[in-house]
């Protein structure tokens, strides 16, 4: 397989004793910044409870609405 042009340039810089771009990049030291966890039941229920616009049909507070129209 052929070596890319960028890799050739990096090797040439290393042979000349210059700083390689790989050395300039920061290291995370084992930290994975993109780790995601699935929500637990407790966190899902808390999110649903604190939602701004809750579905009041699912709430059980023993209340009802009586609506009367006259024709």
PDB file of N, CA and C in Angstrom:
ATOM      1  N   UNK A   1       0.824  -1.179   0.000  1.00  0.00           N
ATOM      2  CA  UNK A   1       0.000   0.000   0.000  1.00  0.00           C
ATOM      3  C   UNK A   1       0.871   1.247   0.000  1.00  0.00           C
ATOM      4  N   UNK A   2       0.395   2.252  -0.593  1.00  0.00           N
ATOM      5  CA  UNK A   2       1.154   3.494  -0.693  1.00  0.00           C
ATOM      6  C   UNK A   2       1.049   4.288   0.600  1.00  0.00           C
ATOM      7  N   UNK A   3       2.081   5.070   0.874  1.00  0.00           N
ATOM      8  CA  UNK A   3       2.096   5.948   2.042  1.00  0.00           C
ATOM      9  C   UNK A   3       1.520   7.293   1.618  1.00  0.00           C
ATOM     10  N   UNK A   4       0.664   7.829   2.463  1.00  0.00           N
ATOM     11  CA  UNK A   4       0.032   9.102   2.114  1.00  0.00           C
ATOM     12  C   UNK A   4       1.062  10.231   2.139  1.00  0.00           C
ATOM     13  N   UNK A   5       0.711  11.301   1.459  1.00  0.00           N
ATOM     14  CA  UNK A   5       1.595  12.457   1.373  1.00  0.00           C
ATOM     15  C   UNK A   5       1.809  13.082   2.756  1.00  0.00           C
ATOM     16  N   UNK A   6       0.759  13.110   3.562  1.00  0.00           N
ATOM     17  CA  UNK A   6       0.881  13.701   4.895  1.00  0.00           C
ATOM     18  C   UNK A   6       1.825  12.876   5.767  1.00  0.00           C
ATOM     19  N   UNK A   7       1.743  11.553   5.642  1.00  0.00           N
ATOM     20  CA  UNK A   7       2.622  10.698   6.435  1.00  0.00           C
ATOM     21  C   UNK A   7       4.078  10.867   5.993  1.00  0.00           C
ATOM     22  N   UNK A   8       4.289  11.038   4.705  1.00  0.00           N
ATOM     23  CA  UNK A   8       5.644  11.277   4.196  1.00  0.00           C
ATOM     24  C   UNK A   8       6.211  12.569   4.775  1.00  0.00           C
ATOM     25  N   UNK A   9       5.370  13.612   4.839  1.00  0.00           N
ATOM     26  CA  UNK A   9       5.821  14.898   5.377  1.00  0.00           C
ATOM     27  C   UNK A   9       6.137  14.783   6.868  1.00  0.00           C
ATOM     28  N   UNK A  10       5.335  14.020   7.610  1.00  0.00           N
ATOM     29  CA  UNK A  10       5.600  13.828   9.038  1.00  0.00           C
ATOM     30  C   UNK A  10       6.910  13.086   9.263  1.00  0.00           C
ATOM     31  N   UNK A  11       7.150  12.062   8.452  1.00  0.00           N
ATOM     32  CA  UNK A  11       8.409  11.314   8.566  1.00  0.00           C
ATOM     33  C   UNK A  11       9.608  12.205   8.242  1.00  0.00           C
ATOM     34  N   UNK A  12       9.454  13.051   7.232  1.00  0.00           N
ATOM     35  CA  UNK A  12      10.544  13.944   6.840  1.00  0.00           C
ATOM     36  C   UNK A  12      10.858  14.939   7.961  1.00  0.00           C
ATOM     37  N   UNK A  13       9.811  15.469   8.604  1.00  0.00           N
ATOM     38  CA  UNK A  13      10.016  16.384   9.727  1.00  0.00           C
ATOM     39  C   UNK A  13      10.732  15.679  10.876  1.00  0.00           C
ATOM     40  N   UNK A  14      10.361  14.423  11.142  1.00  0.00           N
ATOM     41  CA  UNK A  14      11.006  13.669  12.220  1.00  0.00           C
ATOM     42  C   UNK A  14      12.473  13.399  11.900  1.00  0.00           C
ATOM     43  N   UNK A  15      12.790  13.121  10.635  1.00  0.00           N
ATOM     44  CA  UNK A  15      14.180  12.864  10.238  1.00  0.00           C
ATOM     45  C   UNK A  15      15.031  14.131  10.367  1.00  0.00           C
ATOM     46  N   UNK A  16      14.412  15.284  10.126  1.00  0.00           N
ATOM     47  CA  UNK A  16      15.135  16.548  10.221  1.00  0.00           C
ATOM     48  C   UNK A  16      15.264  17.027  11.664  1.00  0.00           C
ATOM     49  N   UNK A  17      14.623  16.332  12.583  1.00  0.00           N
ATOM     50  CA  UNK A  17      14.709  16.707  13.985  1.00  0.00           C
ATOM     51  C   UNK A  17      13.711  17.764  14.407  1.00  0.00           C
ATOM     52  N   UNK A  18      12.741  18.047  13.582  1.00  0.00           N
ATOM     53  CA  UNK A  18      11.719  19.031  13.919  1.00  0.00           C
ATOM     54  C   UNK A  18      10.594  18.370  14.711  1.00  0.00           C
ATOM     55  N   UNK A  19       9.713  19.210  15.236  1.00  0.00           N
ATOM     56  CA  UNK A  19       8.590  18.700  16.024  1.00  0.00           C
ATOM     57  C   UNK A  19       7.520  18.153  15.079  1.00  0.00           C
ATOM     58  N   UNK A  20       7.101  16.958  15.361  1.00  0.00           N
ATOM     59  CA  UNK A  20       6.051  16.315  14.573  1.00  0.00           C
ATOM     60  C   UNK A  20       4.685  16.832  15.034  1.00  0.00           C
ATOM     61  N   UNK A  21       3.718  16.945  14.128  1.00  0.00           N
ATOM     62  CA  UNK A  21       2.378  17.382  14.537  1.00  0.00           C
ATOM     63  C   UNK A  21       1.727  16.423  15.534  1.00  0.00           C
ATOM     64  N   UNK A  22       2.150  15.162  15.515  1.00  0.00           N
ATOM     65  CA  UNK A  22       1.597  14.204  16.457  1.00  0.00           C
ATOM     66  C   UNK A  22       1.983  14.547  17.886  1.00  0.00           C
ATOM     67  N   UNK A  23       3.141  15.137  18.069  1.00  0.00           N
ATOM     68  CA  UNK A  23       3.593  15.518  19.403  1.00  0.00           C
ATOM     69  C   UNK A  23       2.888  16.780  19.900  1.00  0.00           C
ATOM     70  N   UNK A  24       2.397  17.588  18.977  1.00  0.00           N
ATOM     71  CA  UNK A  24       1.709  18.817  19.364  1.00  0.00           C
ATOM     72  C   UNK A  24       0.268  18.563  19.794  1.00  0.00           C
ATOM     73  N   UNK A  25      -0.270  17.419  19.424  1.00  0.00           N
ATOM     74  CA  UNK A  25      -1.652  17.108  19.786  1.00  0.00           C
ATOM     75  C   UNK A  25      -1.731  16.780  21.262  1.00  0.00           C
ATOM     76  N   UNK A  26      -2.816  17.217  21.881  1.00  0.00           N
ATOM     77  CA  UNK A  26      -3.006  16.957  23.308  1.00  0.00           C
ATOM     78  C   UNK A  26      -3.341  15.496  23.564  1.00  0.00           C
ATOM     79  N   UNK A  27      -3.054  15.049  24.755  1.00  0.00           N
ATOM     80  CA  UNK A  27      -3.350  13.679  25.143  1.00  0.00           C
ATOM     81  C   UNK A  27      -4.473  13.680  26.166  1.00  0.00           C
ATOM     82  N   UNK A  28      -5.389  12.756  26.028  1.00  0.00           N
ATOM     83  CA  UNK A  28      -6.507  12.643  26.960  1.00  0.00           C
ATOM     84  C   UNK A  28      -6.148  11.783  28.164  1.00  0.00           C
ATOM     85  N   UNK A  29      -4.989  11.113  28.128  1.00  0.00           N
ATOM     86  CA  UNK A  29      -4.524  10.265  29.232  1.00  0.00           C
ATOM     87  C   UNK A  29      -5.567   9.228  29.653  1.00  0.00           C
ATOM     88  N   UNK A  30      -6.155   8.571  28.689  1.00  0.00           N
ATOM     89  CA  UNK A  30      -7.103   7.503  28.980  1.00  0.00           C
ATOM     90  C   UNK A  30      -8.539   7.956  29.163  1.00  0.00           C
ATOM     91  N   UNK A  31      -8.807   9.252  29.129  1.00  0.00           N
ATOM     92  CA  UNK A  31     -10.168   9.747  29.305  1.00  0.00           C
ATOM     93  C   UNK A  31     -10.898   9.636  27.978  1.00  0.00           C
ATOM     94  N   UNK A  32     -12.103   9.103  28.023  1.00  0.00           N
ATOM     95  CA  UNK A  32     -12.920   9.014  26.821  1.00  0.00           C
ATOM     96  C   UNK A  32     -14.024  10.070  26.920  1.00  0.00           C
ATOM     97  N   UNK A  33     -13.938  11.161  26.147  1.00  0.00           N
ATOM     98  CA  UNK A  33     -14.891  12.250  26.309  1.00  0.00           C
ATOM     99  C   UNK A  33     -16.287  11.958  25.777  1.00  0.00           C
ATOM    100  N   UNK A  34     -16.447  10.937  24.965  1.00  0.00           N
ATOM    101  CA  UNK A  34     -17.737  10.694  24.330  1.00  0.00           C
ATOM    102  C   UNK A  34     -18.448   9.479  24.904  1.00  0.00           C
ATOM    103  N   UNK A  35     -18.276   9.216  26.184  1.00  0.00           N
ATOM    104  CA  UNK A  35     -18.958   8.072  26.773  1.00  0.00           C
ATOM    105  C   UNK A  35     -20.376   8.466  27.138  1.00  0.00           C
ATOM    106  N   UNK A  36     -21.315   7.633  26.793  1.00  0.00           N
ATOM    107  CA  UNK A  36     -22.708   7.892  27.108  1.00  0.00           C
ATOM    108  C   UNK A  36     -23.245   6.731  27.933  1.00  0.00           C
ATOM    109  N   UNK A  37     -24.116   7.045  28.861  1.00  0.00           N
ATOM    110  CA  UNK A  37     -24.746   6.009  29.669  1.00  0.00           C
ATOM    111  C   UNK A  37     -26.239   6.030  29.412  1.00  0.00           C
ATOM    112  N   UNK A  38     -26.862   4.892  29.536  1.00  0.00           N
ATOM    113  CA  UNK A  38     -28.304   4.840  29.375  1.00  0.00           C
ATOM    114  C   UNK A  38     -28.949   5.348  30.654  1.00  0.00           C
ATOM    115  N   UNK A  39     -30.066   6.051  30.548  1.00  0.00           N
ATOM    116  CA  UNK A  39     -30.691   6.600  31.754  1.00  0.00           C
ATOM    117  C   UNK A  39     -31.282   5.493  32.622  1.00  0.00           C
ATOM    118  N   UNK A  40     -31.196   5.688  33.924  1.00  0.00           N
ATOM    119  CA  UNK A  40     -31.776   4.735  34.853  1.00  0.00           C
ATOM    120  C   UNK A  40     -33.263   5.019  34.985  1.00  0.00           C
ATOM    121  N   UNK A  41     -33.965   4.112  35.603  1.00  0.00           N
ATOM    122  CA  UNK A  41     -35.399   4.292  35.799  1.00  0.00           C
ATOM    123  C   UNK A  41     -35.661   5.525  36.652  1.00  0.00           C
ATOM    124  N   UNK A  42     -34.844   5.714  37.680  1.00  0.00           N
ATOM    125  CA  UNK A  42     -35.020   6.856  38.572  1.00  0.00           C
ATOM    126  C   UNK A  42     -34.819   8.178  37.830  1.00  0.00           C
ATOM    127  N   UNK A  43     -33.805   8.234  36.965  1.00  0.00           N
ATOM    128  CA  UNK A  43     -33.555   9.475  36.237  1.00  0.00           C
ATOM    129  C   UNK A  43     -34.643   9.733  35.186  1.00  0.00           C
ATOM    130  N   UNK A  44     -35.146   8.674  34.573  1.00  0.00           N
ATOM    131  CA  UNK A  44     -36.227   8.868  33.595  1.00  0.00           C
ATOM    132  C   UNK A  44     -37.496   9.373  34.267  1.00  0.00           C
ATOM    133  N   UNK A  45     -37.822   8.815  35.443  1.00  0.00           N
ATOM    134  CA  UNK A  45     -39.016   9.259  36.155  1.00  0.00           C
ATOM    135  C   UNK A  45     -38.863  10.691  36.644  1.00  0.00           C
ATOM    136  N   UNK A  46     -37.671  11.058  37.095  1.00  0.00           N
ATOM    137  CA  UNK A  46     -37.436  12.427  37.548  1.00  0.00           C
ATOM    138  C   UNK A  46     -37.566  13.401  36.385  1.00  0.00           C
ATOM    139  N   UNK A  47     -37.062  13.019  35.230  1.00  0.00           N
ATOM    140  CA  UNK A  47     -37.164  13.884  34.054  1.00  0.00           C
ATOM    141  C   UNK A  47     -38.619  14.070  33.646  1.00  0.00           C
ATOM    142  N   UNK A  48     -39.387  12.994  33.681  1.00  0.00           N
ATOM    143  CA  UNK A  48     -40.801  13.077  33.313  1.00  0.00           C
ATOM    144  C   UNK A  48     -41.573  13.924  34.321  1.00  0.00           C
ATOM    145  N   UNK A  49     -41.210  13.818  35.593  1.00  0.00           N
ATOM    146  CA  UNK A  49     -41.918  14.555  36.636  1.00  0.00           C
ATOM    147  C   UNK A  49     -41.646  16.059  36.547  1.00  0.00           C
ATOM    148  N   UNK A  50     -40.439  16.429  36.176  1.00  0.00           N
ATOM    149  CA  UNK A  50     -40.057  17.836  36.147  1.00  0.00           C
ATOM    150  C   UNK A  50     -40.214  18.477  34.771  1.00  0.00           C
ATOM    151  N   UNK A  51     -40.862  17.787  33.873  1.00  0.00           N
ATOM    152  CA  UNK A  51     -41.068  18.354  32.548  1.00  0.00           C
ATOM    153  C   UNK A  51     -41.961  19.586  32.629  1.00  0.00           C
ATOM    154  N   UNK A  52     -41.712  20.538  31.790  1.00  0.00           N
ATOM    155  CA  UNK A  52     -42.494  21.778  31.837  1.00  0.00           C
ATOM    156  C   UNK A  52     -43.959  21.534  31.473  1.00  0.00           C
ATOM    157  N   UNK A  53     -44.169  20.785  30.414  1.00  0.00           N
ATOM    158  CA  UNK A  53     -45.531  20.514  29.980  1.00  0.00           C
ATOM    159  C   UNK A  53     -45.811  19.028  30.185  1.00  0.00           C
ATOM    160  N   UNK A  54     -46.335  18.685  31.331  1.00  0.00           N
ATOM    161  CA  UNK A  54     -46.636  17.288  31.624  1.00  0.00           C
ATOM    162  C   UNK A  54     -47.986  16.906  31.017  1.00  0.00           C
ATOM    163  N   UNK A  55     -48.173  15.649  30.757  1.00  0.00           N
ATOM    164  CA  UNK A  55     -49.449  15.139  30.278  1.00  0.00           C
ATOM    165  C   UNK A  55     -50.315  14.889  31.507  1.00  0.00           C
ATOM    166  N   UNK A  56     -51.303  15.717  31.719  1.00  0.00           N
ATOM    167  CA  UNK A  56     -52.109  15.621  32.926  1.00  0.00           C
ATOM    168  C   UNK A  56     -53.075  14.444  32.866  1.00  0.00           C
ATOM    169  N   UNK A  57     -53.254  13.833  31.723  1.00  0.00           N
ATOM    170  CA  UNK A  57     -54.112  12.666  31.630  1.00  0.00           C
ATOM    171  C   UNK A  57     -53.484  11.466  32.334  1.00  0.00           C
ATOM    172  N   UNK A  58     -52.150  11.458  32.445  1.00  0.00           N
ATOM    173  CA  UNK A  58     -51.474  10.341  33.101  1.00  0.00           C
ATOM    174  C   UNK A  58     -51.386  10.516  34.605  1.00  0.00           C
ATOM    175  N   UNK A  59     -51.677  11.725  35.107  1.00  0.00           N
ATOM    176  CA  UNK A  59     -51.582  11.978  36.540  1.00  0.00           C
ATOM    177  C   UNK A  59     -52.813  11.426  37.235  1.00  0.00           C
ATOM    178  N   UNK A  60     -52.625  10.804  38.376  1.00  0.00           N
ATOM    179  CA  UNK A  60     -53.719  10.186  39.120  1.00  0.00           C
ATOM    180  C   UNK A  60     -53.971  11.011  40.378  1.00  0.00           C
ATOM    181  N   UNK A  61     -54.844  12.019  40.260  1.00  0.00           N
ATOM    182  CA  UNK A  61     -55.158  12.838  41.425  1.00  0.00           C
ATOM    183  C   UNK A  61     -56.649  12.790  41.750  1.00  0.00           C
ATOM    184  N   UNK A  62     -57.378  11.813  41.201  1.00  0.00           N
ATOM    185  CA  UNK A  62     -58.805  11.596  41.465  1.00  0.00           C
ATOM    186  C   UNK A  62     -59.647  12.832  41.155  1.00  0.00           C
ATOM    187  N   UNK A  63     -59.305  13.546  40.111  1.00  0.00           N
ATOM    188  CA  UNK A  63     -60.102  14.686  39.704  1.00  0.00           C
ATOM    189  C   UNK A  63     -60.668  14.425  38.315  1.00  0.00           C
ATOM    190  N   UNK A  64     -61.736  15.130  37.999  1.00  0.00           N
ATOM    191  CA  UNK A  64     -62.320  14.989  36.675  1.00  0.00           C
ATOM    192  C   UNK A  64     -62.834  16.348  36.219  1.00  0.00           C
ATOM    193  N   UNK A  65     -63.130  16.432  34.932  1.00  0.00           N
ATOM    194  CA  UNK A  65     -63.602  17.672  34.341  1.00  0.00           C
ATOM    195  C   UNK A  65     -64.986  17.442  33.782  1.00  0.00           C
ATOM    196  N   UNK A  66     -65.911  18.302  34.159  1.00  0.00           N
ATOM    197  CA  UNK A  66     -67.263  18.207  33.646  1.00  0.00           C
ATOM    198  C   UNK A  66     -67.475  19.396  32.728  1.00  0.00           C
ATOM    199  N   UNK A  67     -67.739  19.129  31.441  1.00  0.00           N
ATOM    200  CA  UNK A  67     -67.883  20.170  30.449  1.00  0.00           C
ATOM    201  C   UNK A  67     -69.274  20.067  29.854  1.00  0.00           C
ATOM    202  N   UNK A  68     -70.023  21.157  29.928  1.00  0.00           N
ATOM    203  CA  UNK A  68     -71.407  21.129  29.456  1.00  0.00           C
ATOM    204  C   UNK A  68     -71.569  22.163  28.347  1.00  0.00           C
ATOM    205  N   UNK A  69     -72.126  21.722  27.260  1.00  0.00           N
ATOM    206  CA  UNK A  69     -72.401  22.654  26.159  1.00  0.00           C
ATOM    207  C   UNK A  69     -73.905  22.749  25.968  1.00  0.00           C
ATOM    208  N   UNK A  70     -74.351  23.898  25.559  1.00  0.00           N
ATOM    209  CA  UNK A  70     -75.771  24.091  25.296  1.00  0.00           C
ATOM    210  C   UNK A  70     -75.937  24.421  23.815  1.00  0.00           C
ATOM    211  N   UNK A  71     -76.870  23.745  23.232  1.00  0.00           N
ATOM    212  CA  UNK A  71     -77.141  23.964  21.818  1.00  0.00           C
ATOM    213  C   UNK A  71     -78.330  24.816  21.622  1.00  0.00           C
TER     214      UNK A  71
END
